[in-house]
Amino acid sequence: MDSTVTRPAVRSRTKPRERRADRWNVVLLDDDDHTYAYVVEMLGAIFGHDAATAFRMASEVDGTGRVIVFTGPRETAEFKQGRIHAYGPDPRIPRCAGAMSAVIERVG
């Protein structure tokens, strides 16, 4: 009896070039119904931004109308956007009816 084992030929495959996952920005939009204190607090709670970074972002959104507060995978960006929308009104402003608004935009 022959003790050699015949194995099927193994094809050499080259891996297709790995595609970098799409990245998305969460863009906070300005309004007149939220204080800087609210924005700083919210950005710290949702994104973990320190007070200085959050204040810089609050200043940018106030001055330009928008600021990127997060960049990452779409699923995470959508989750963070939802947290902004669910954060609630600014208790410091009686007329404030709800949370701030944010959009997500594909990077590049």
Protein backbone atom coordinates (compact mmCIF):
# COMPACT_ATOMS: atom_id res chain seq x y z
CA MET A 1 0.00 0.00 0.00
CA ASP A 2 1.24 3.48 -0.91
CA SER A 3 1.59 5.79 2.11
CA THR A 4 1.77 9.04 0.17
CA VAL A 5 -1.22 11.28 0.50
CA THR A 6 -2.26 13.34 -2.43
CA ARG A 7 -3.43 16.79 -1.50
CA PRO A 8 -5.28 19.11 -3.81
CA ALA A 9 -3.23 21.94 -5.16
CA VAL A 10 -3.47 25.11 -3.11
CA ARG A 11 -3.92 28.24 -5.12
CA SER A 12 -1.97 31.24 -4.13
CA ARG A 13 -4.34 34.12 -3.65
CA THR A 14 -3.30 37.65 -3.38
CA LYS A 15 -5.44 39.61 -1.02
CA PRO A 16 -7.32 42.40 -2.66
CA ARG A 17 -6.10 45.73 -1.47
CA GLU A 18 -7.85 46.44 1.78
CA ARG A 19 -10.24 49.30 1.41
CA ARG A 20 -10.16 51.79 4.22
CA ALA A 21 -13.53 52.05 5.90
CA ASP A 22 -15.54 55.10 4.95
CA ARG A 23 -15.29 57.85 7.52
CA TRP A 24 -18.04 60.26 8.48
CA ASN A 25 -18.10 63.62 10.24
CA VAL A 26 -20.68 64.59 12.82
CA VAL A 27 -21.30 68.29 12.25
CA LEU A 28 -22.96 70.31 15.01
CA LEU A 29 -25.16 73.13 13.69
CA ASP A 30 -25.60 76.52 15.34
CA ASP A 31 -28.77 77.95 16.80
CA ASP A 32 -29.64 80.76 19.22
CA ASP A 33 -31.37 78.57 21.81
CA HIS A 34 -28.37 77.01 23.57
CA THR A 35 -25.69 78.53 25.78
CA TYR A 36 -21.96 77.94 25.56
CA ALA A 37 -22.25 76.13 28.90
CA TYR A 38 -24.79 73.72 27.40
CA VAL A 39 -22.61 73.05 24.34
CA VAL A 40 -19.49 72.48 26.46
CA GLU A 41 -21.41 70.15 28.80
CA MET A 42 -23.01 68.22 25.93
CA LEU A 43 -19.75 67.77 24.00
CA GLY A 44 -18.05 66.51 27.14
CA ALA A 45 -20.84 64.07 27.97
CA ILE A 46 -21.27 62.65 24.46
CA PHE A 47 -17.78 62.83 22.99
CA GLY A 48 -15.52 63.07 26.03
CA HIS A 49 -14.08 66.40 24.87
CA ASP A 50 -12.28 68.32 27.61
CA ALA A 51 -13.62 71.75 28.53
CA ALA A 52 -11.04 73.67 26.46
CA THR A 53 -11.70 71.65 23.30
CA ALA A 54 -15.47 71.84 23.82
CA PHE A 55 -15.31 75.61 24.34
CA ARG A 56 -13.25 76.02 21.16
CA MET A 57 -15.88 74.00 19.28
CA ALA A 58 -18.70 76.05 20.83
CA SER A 59 -16.95 79.22 19.66
CA GLU A 60 -16.52 77.81 16.16
CA VAL A 61 -20.15 76.73 15.80
CA ASP A 62 -21.25 80.14 17.07
CA GLY A 63 -18.96 81.97 14.63
CA THR A 64 -19.30 79.84 11.50
CA GLY A 65 -22.63 78.06 11.97
CA ARG A 66 -21.12 74.57 12.10
CA VAL A 67 -18.29 72.56 13.62
CA ILE A 68 -17.05 68.99 13.19
CA VAL A 69 -17.28 67.32 16.60
CA PHE A 70 -16.45 63.71 15.61
CA THR A 71 -15.01 61.74 12.70
CA GLY A 72 -15.28 57.97 12.46
CA PRO A 73 -17.27 55.04 11.09
CA ARG A 74 -20.79 55.75 9.84
CA GLU A 75 -22.48 53.60 12.47
CA THR A 76 -20.70 55.46 15.27
CA ALA A 77 -21.38 58.84 13.65
CA GLU A 78 -25.10 58.03 13.41
CA PHE A 79 -25.13 56.94 17.05
CA LYS A 80 -23.40 60.14 18.19
CA GLN A 81 -25.74 62.26 16.05
CA GLY A 82 -28.69 60.56 17.75
CA ARG A 83 -27.23 61.32 21.17
CA ILE A 84 -26.95 65.01 20.27
CA HIS A 85 -30.60 65.05 19.15
CA ALA A 86 -31.67 63.28 22.35
CA TYR A 87 -29.64 65.44 24.74
CA GLY A 88 -32.60 67.66 25.50
CA PRO A 89 -33.21 71.37 25.90
CA ASP A 90 -30.89 73.85 27.58
CA PRO A 91 -32.35 74.41 31.06
CA ARG A 92 -30.61 77.83 31.20
CA ILE A 93 -32.87 79.24 28.44
CA PRO A 94 -36.62 79.05 29.16
CA ARG A 95 -37.62 79.34 25.47
CA CYS A 96 -35.35 76.42 24.50
CA ALA A 97 -37.60 73.69 23.15
CA GLY A 98 -35.13 70.89 22.41
CA ALA A 99 -31.65 69.69 21.68
CA MET A 100 -29.22 71.04 19.12
CA SER A 101 -29.11 69.72 15.57
CA ALA A 102 -26.35 67.80 13.86
CA VAL A 103 -25.81 66.23 10.47
CA ILE A 104 -23.41 63.55 9.29
CA GLU A 105 -21.31 63.98 6.17
CA ARG A 106 -19.00 61.54 4.41
CA VAL A 107 -15.34 62.55 4.61
CA GLY A 108 -13.68 63.19 1.26
